[in-house]
Amino acid sequence: MGLFTLPTVALFILLTLSLAFVHEGIPTTLDGPFKPVTVPLDKSFRGNAVDLPETDPRVKRIVKGFKPEQISVSLSGTHDSVWISWITGEFQIGDNIEPLDPKTVSGVVVYGRYGFPMTNRSTGNNSLVYNQLYQFEGLKNYTSGIIHHVRLAGLIPNTLYQYQCGDPSIPAMSRVSYFKTMPVSGPKSYPSRVAVVGDLGLTYNTTSTVDHLLANRPDLLLLVGDVSYADLYLTNGTGSDCYSCSFPHTPIQETYQPRWDYWGR
């Protein structure tokens, strides 16, 4: 009589093969610690974060008229599509402000594979304006520029594209920018480098942090939030590290919404 039954031996062989496969596959944290493969972090900018003032050149509006600004590229629901977002027109803040009409400026993206003519064209139908209105005397209201979102679909995976966005009828188009599509999702097909960052704020450290991210050449950036900290400001632009400590008697939690525009720039 043997020590193991046939099913037990078969199970043992299966487990052995599985362990060998895992060992030769993608490493896990159980196999670590590993030597970092990213660019070393420059710790000189770490410490007390000081907000950028609205006079800093990095947050100034550098376009004129309805030229696009605050341009960004975001993932869509599938690997063959992305969202292009931008703002046209300037924000307004004050007592008697009139929101811009989103229908006055079209949202158009022309694009094509890098090295080829930009013969593709997509148009958005969901442009909007964001308003922050207060009912208390002395508080300043805010209305944004026109916010555009245009979805590009039918893109080739893992391919570099070039594009321009804006309204060609004005004309008011952006300069040529670039993005690379994601690979088709699968067990052996995924972005090789994913950067995750949060609590960026809008400080003198923010630029250093973004530069560090770019130095590592990520394929995908996951931004988990807390970027402008507009809720640490009064509507007149006065800020504090502790809102409740500095402004305990305000009738409502105020915000200074232009901080969002500054961050997008």
Protein backbone atom coordinates (compact mmCIF):
# COMPACT_ATOMS: atom_id res chain seq x y z
CA MET A 1 0.00 0.00 0.00
CA GLY A 2 1.51 3.33 -1.06
CA LEU A 3 1.87 6.44 1.03
CA PHE A 4 -0.31 8.55 -1.34
CA THR A 5 -3.40 7.66 -3.30
CA LEU A 6 -3.47 8.47 -7.03
CA PRO A 7 -5.72 11.55 -6.66
CA THR A 8 -3.44 12.88 -3.91
CA VAL A 9 -0.35 12.48 -6.11
CA ALA A 10 -2.11 14.22 -8.99
CA LEU A 11 -3.09 17.11 -6.71
CA PHE A 12 0.49 17.39 -5.42
CA ILE A 13 1.86 17.56 -8.98
CA LEU A 14 -0.73 20.20 -9.90
CA LEU A 15 0.17 22.35 -6.90
CA THR A 16 3.88 22.00 -7.67
CA LEU A 17 3.34 23.11 -11.25
CA SER A 18 1.17 26.01 -10.09
CA LEU A 19 3.81 27.21 -7.64
CA ALA A 20 6.47 26.97 -10.32
CA PHE A 21 4.31 28.97 -12.71
CA VAL A 22 3.70 31.68 -10.11
CA HIS A 23 7.38 31.80 -9.25
CA GLU A 24 8.34 32.31 -12.91
CA GLY A 25 5.48 34.72 -13.61
CA ILE A 26 4.90 38.30 -12.51
CA PRO A 27 6.60 38.97 -9.13
CA THR A 28 4.40 39.84 -6.17
CA THR A 29 5.11 41.73 -2.96
CA LEU A 30 5.77 38.35 -1.32
CA ASP A 31 8.88 38.02 -3.49
CA GLY A 32 10.27 41.41 -2.41
CA PRO A 33 11.67 43.71 -1.32
CA PHE A 34 12.90 44.86 -4.72
CA LYS A 35 15.36 47.51 -5.75
CA PRO A 36 13.38 50.52 -7.06
CA VAL A 37 13.38 50.94 -10.83
CA THR A 38 12.01 54.48 -10.76
CA VAL A 39 13.93 57.74 -10.81
CA PRO A 40 15.07 58.59 -7.25
CA LEU A 41 12.89 61.14 -5.49
CA ASP A 42 14.43 64.56 -4.93
CA LYS A 43 13.61 65.23 -1.29
CA SER A 44 14.77 68.85 -1.35
CA PHE A 45 11.28 70.16 -2.15
CA ARG A 46 9.51 68.18 0.58
CA GLY A 47 8.35 69.94 3.71
CA ASN A 48 5.92 72.77 4.30
CA ALA A 49 3.83 73.23 1.16
CA VAL A 50 3.12 76.87 0.28
CA ASP A 51 0.31 77.67 -2.17
CA LEU A 52 1.20 79.36 -5.43
CA PRO A 53 -0.12 82.94 -5.52
CA GLU A 54 -2.34 84.01 -8.41
CA THR A 55 0.50 86.26 -9.60
CA ASP A 56 2.75 83.27 -10.37
CA PRO A 57 3.37 82.90 -14.15
CA ARG A 58 2.47 79.20 -13.98
CA VAL A 59 -1.17 79.97 -13.19
CA LYS A 60 -1.61 82.92 -15.54
CA ARG A 61 -3.85 82.64 -18.59
CA ILE A 62 -1.58 82.76 -21.64
CA VAL A 63 -4.18 82.39 -24.43
CA LYS A 64 -6.47 85.09 -25.77
CA GLY A 65 -10.10 85.13 -26.84
CA PHE A 66 -11.61 81.67 -27.20
CA LYS A 67 -8.34 79.81 -27.73
CA PRO A 68 -8.41 76.50 -25.79
CA GLU A 69 -6.64 76.19 -22.45
CA GLN A 70 -6.53 73.67 -19.59
CA ILE A 71 -6.39 70.83 -22.14
CA SER A 72 -6.40 67.26 -20.82
CA VAL A 73 -6.70 63.68 -22.11
CA SER A 74 -8.61 61.07 -20.07
CA LEU A 75 -9.34 57.38 -20.46
CA SER A 76 -12.76 56.39 -21.73
CA GLY A 77 -14.69 53.18 -21.13
CA THR A 78 -12.78 51.16 -23.73
CA HIS A 79 -9.17 50.87 -24.86
CA ASP A 80 -9.96 52.36 -28.29
CA SER A 81 -11.35 55.68 -27.04
CA VAL A 82 -10.30 58.74 -25.02
CA TRP A 83 -11.85 62.01 -23.87
CA ILE A 84 -10.31 65.36 -24.82
CA SER A 85 -11.34 68.18 -22.47
CA TRP A 86 -10.57 71.89 -22.46
CA ILE A 87 -11.91 75.34 -21.58
CA THR A 88 -12.55 78.34 -23.80
CA GLY A 89 -13.15 81.85 -22.50
CA GLU A 90 -12.16 83.35 -19.16
CA PHE A 91 -13.79 82.75 -15.79
CA GLN A 92 -15.59 85.62 -14.04
CA ILE A 93 -15.86 86.34 -10.34
CA GLY A 94 -17.79 89.18 -8.70
CA ASP A 95 -21.28 90.43 -7.90
CA ASN A 96 -22.89 91.03 -11.29
CA ILE A 97 -21.54 88.39 -13.64
CA GLU A 98 -23.11 86.98 -16.79
CA PRO A 99 -22.28 83.34 -17.66
CA LEU A 100 -20.94 82.60 -21.12
CA ASP A 101 -23.26 80.82 -23.55
CA PRO A 102 -21.87 77.33 -24.35
CA LYS A 103 -23.65 77.42 -27.71
CA THR A 104 -21.49 80.29 -28.96
CA VAL A 105 -18.32 78.17 -29.23
CA SER A 106 -18.17 74.68 -30.76
CA GLY A 107 -16.10 71.82 -29.39
CA VAL A 108 -14.17 70.11 -32.19
CA VAL A 109 -11.15 67.79 -32.21
CA VAL A 110 -9.20 67.00 -35.38
CA TYR A 111 -6.75 64.13 -35.05
CA GLY A 112 -4.79 61.38 -36.73
CA ARG A 113 -1.97 58.94 -36.18
CA TYR A 114 1.40 60.54 -35.59
CA GLY A 115 3.16 61.18 -38.88
CA PHE A 116 -0.10 61.16 -40.87
CA PRO A 117 -2.53 64.00 -41.74
CA MET A 118 -5.13 64.82 -39.08
CA THR A 119 -8.10 63.88 -41.22
CA ASN A 120 -10.34 62.54 -38.42
CA ARG A 121 -12.82 64.86 -36.74
CA SER A 122 -15.05 64.53 -33.66
CA THR A 123 -17.52 67.07 -32.29
CA GLY A 124 -18.85 67.34 -28.75
CA ASN A 125 -22.46 68.04 -27.85
CA ASN A 126 -22.17 68.50 -24.10
CA SER A 127 -20.34 71.79 -23.52
CA LEU A 128 -21.30 73.51 -20.28
CA VAL A 129 -20.55 76.31 -17.82
CA TYR A 130 -20.07 75.81 -14.07
CA ASN A 131 -21.54 78.40 -11.69
CA GLN A 132 -20.87 78.84 -7.97
CA LEU A 133 -23.50 81.21 -6.56
CA TYR A 134 -23.87 82.48 -2.99
CA GLN A 135 -26.97 83.98 -1.38
CA PHE A 136 -25.08 85.86 1.32
CA GLU A 137 -24.24 89.55 0.98
CA GLY A 138 -20.60 90.32 0.32
CA LEU A 139 -19.68 86.90 -1.11
CA LYS A 140 -18.47 86.82 -4.70
CA ASN A 141 -20.09 84.57 -7.29
CA TYR A 142 -18.14 82.59 -9.87
CA THR A 143 -18.82 81.41 -13.41
CA SER A 144 -16.36 79.36 -15.43
CA GLY A 145 -15.27 79.50 -19.02
CA ILE A 146 -16.97 77.10 -21.43
CA ILE A 147 -16.04 73.51 -20.57
CA HIS A 148 -15.79 71.13 -23.55
CA HIS A 149 -15.65 67.32 -23.58
CA VAL A 150 -15.18 65.42 -26.86
CA ARG A 151 -14.87 61.63 -27.12
CA LEU A 152 -12.63 60.08 -29.75
CA ALA A 153 -13.54 56.49 -30.65
CA GLY A 154 -12.28 53.77 -32.97
CA LEU A 155 -8.63 54.40 -32.09
CA ILE A 156 -5.87 51.87 -32.69
CA PRO A 157 -4.49 50.42 -29.43
CA ASN A 158 -0.95 51.23 -28.31
CA THR A 159 -0.59 53.95 -30.96
CA LEU A 160 0.67 57.54 -30.86
CA TYR A 161 -1.83 60.16 -32.05
CA GLN A 162 -1.63 63.90 -32.68
CA TYR A 163 -4.57 66.28 -32.31
CA GLN A 164 -5.85 69.84 -32.11
CA CYS A 165 -8.96 71.01 -30.27
CA GLY A 166 -11.11 74.14 -30.37
CA ASP A 167 -13.49 75.82 -32.79
CA PRO A 168 -12.11 75.99 -36.35
CA SER A 169 -14.92 78.32 -37.47
CA ILE A 170 -13.72 81.27 -35.32
CA PRO A 171 -10.88 80.18 -35.82
CA ALA A 172 -9.62 79.28 -32.35
CA MET A 173 -7.66 76.03 -32.34
CA SER A 174 -4.99 74.78 -29.97
CA ARG A 175 -1.45 73.90 -30.91
CA VAL A 176 -0.79 70.28 -31.90
CA SER A 177 -0.58 67.92 -28.91
CA TYR A 178 -0.06 64.18 -28.58
CA PHE A 179 -1.34 61.13 -26.70
CA LYS A 180 -0.75 57.38 -26.86
CA THR A 181 -3.62 54.92 -26.61
CA MET A 182 -3.65 52.05 -24.12
CA PRO A 183 -3.02 48.44 -25.19
CA VAL A 184 -5.92 46.02 -25.40
CA SER A 185 -6.66 44.90 -21.84
CA GLY A 186 -5.65 41.33 -21.05
CA PRO A 187 -3.55 39.11 -18.75
CA LYS A 188 -0.43 39.85 -20.80
CA SER A 189 -1.40 43.25 -22.17
CA TYR A 190 -1.48 46.29 -19.91
CA PRO A 191 0.35 49.60 -19.31
CA SER A 192 3.90 48.81 -18.25
CA ARG A 193 4.16 51.82 -15.93
CA VAL A 194 1.26 53.30 -13.97
CA ALA A 195 1.80 56.38 -11.79
CA VAL A 196 -0.57 57.03 -8.87
CA VAL A 197 -0.61 60.43 -7.19
CA GLY A 198 -2.92 62.34 -4.87
CA ASP A 199 -3.06 65.49 -2.75
CA LEU A 200 -1.04 67.39 -5.35
CA GLY A 201 -2.42 70.73 -4.28
CA LEU A 202 -1.38 73.91 -6.05
CA THR A 203 1.90 74.69 -4.30
CA TYR A 204 5.53 75.29 -5.13
CA ASN A 205 5.99 71.53 -4.62
CA THR A 206 3.36 70.62 -7.21
CA THR A 207 5.58 71.34 -10.20
CA SER A 208 8.44 69.33 -8.67
CA THR A 209 6.12 66.39 -8.07
CA VAL A 210 4.80 66.47 -11.64
CA ASP A 211 8.36 66.73 -12.99
CA HIS A 212 9.28 63.65 -10.94
CA LEU A 213 6.33 61.75 -12.40
CA LEU A 214 7.27 62.71 -15.96
CA ALA A 215 10.88 61.67 -15.38
CA ASN A 216 9.62 58.13 -14.79
CA ARG A 217 7.81 58.14 -18.17
CA PRO A 218 4.51 56.55 -17.05
CA ASP A 219 2.12 55.09 -19.61
CA LEU A 220 -0.87 56.00 -17.45
CA LEU A 221 -1.41 58.50 -14.63
CA LEU A 222 -4.09 57.88 -12.01
CA LEU A 223 -4.93 61.13 -10.21
CA VAL A 224 -6.91 60.29 -7.08
CA GLY A 225 -7.97 63.82 -6.13
CA ASP A 226 -7.37 66.77 -3.81
CA VAL A 227 -5.72 69.15 -6.23
CA SER A 228 -6.85 72.77 -5.91
CA TYR A 229 -7.91 73.07 -2.24
CA ALA A 230 -10.24 75.90 -3.27
CA ASP A 231 -12.24 75.28 -0.09
CA LEU A 232 -9.42 76.73 2.02
CA TYR A 233 -10.14 80.18 0.57
CA LEU A 234 -12.74 82.89 0.93
CA THR A 235 -14.47 84.13 -2.21
CA ASN A 236 -12.24 87.23 -2.14
CA GLY A 237 -9.14 85.05 -2.59
CA THR A 238 -7.91 85.10 1.03
CA GLY A 239 -6.58 81.67 1.97
CA SER A 240 -5.49 79.73 5.05
CA ASP A 241 -4.07 76.32 5.94
CA CYS A 242 -6.99 75.89 8.35
CA TYR A 243 -10.30 77.35 7.20
CA SER A 244 -12.21 76.84 10.46
CA CYS A 245 -9.31 78.30 12.47
CA SER A 246 -8.93 81.46 10.38
CA PHE A 247 -12.54 82.02 9.31
CA PRO A 248 -14.76 80.69 12.13
CA HIS A 249 -17.59 83.17 11.58
CA THR A 250 -18.33 82.87 7.86
CA PRO A 251 -22.04 82.20 7.20
CA ILE A 252 -21.20 79.29 4.89
CA GLN A 253 -18.15 77.32 3.76
CA GLU A 254 -16.75 79.57 1.04
CA THR A 255 -14.52 78.59 -1.85
CA TYR A 256 -12.36 80.48 -4.32
CA GLN A 257 -13.17 78.67 -7.56
CA PRO A 258 -10.45 80.32 -9.72
CA ARG A 259 -8.01 77.98 -7.94
CA TRP A 260 -9.42 75.23 -10.18
CA ASP A 261 -8.58 77.26 -13.28
CA TYR A 262 -5.11 77.94 -11.94
CA TRP A 263 -4.54 74.23 -11.36
CA GLY A 264 -5.68 73.31 -14.87
CA ARG A 265 -3.10 75.66 -16.32
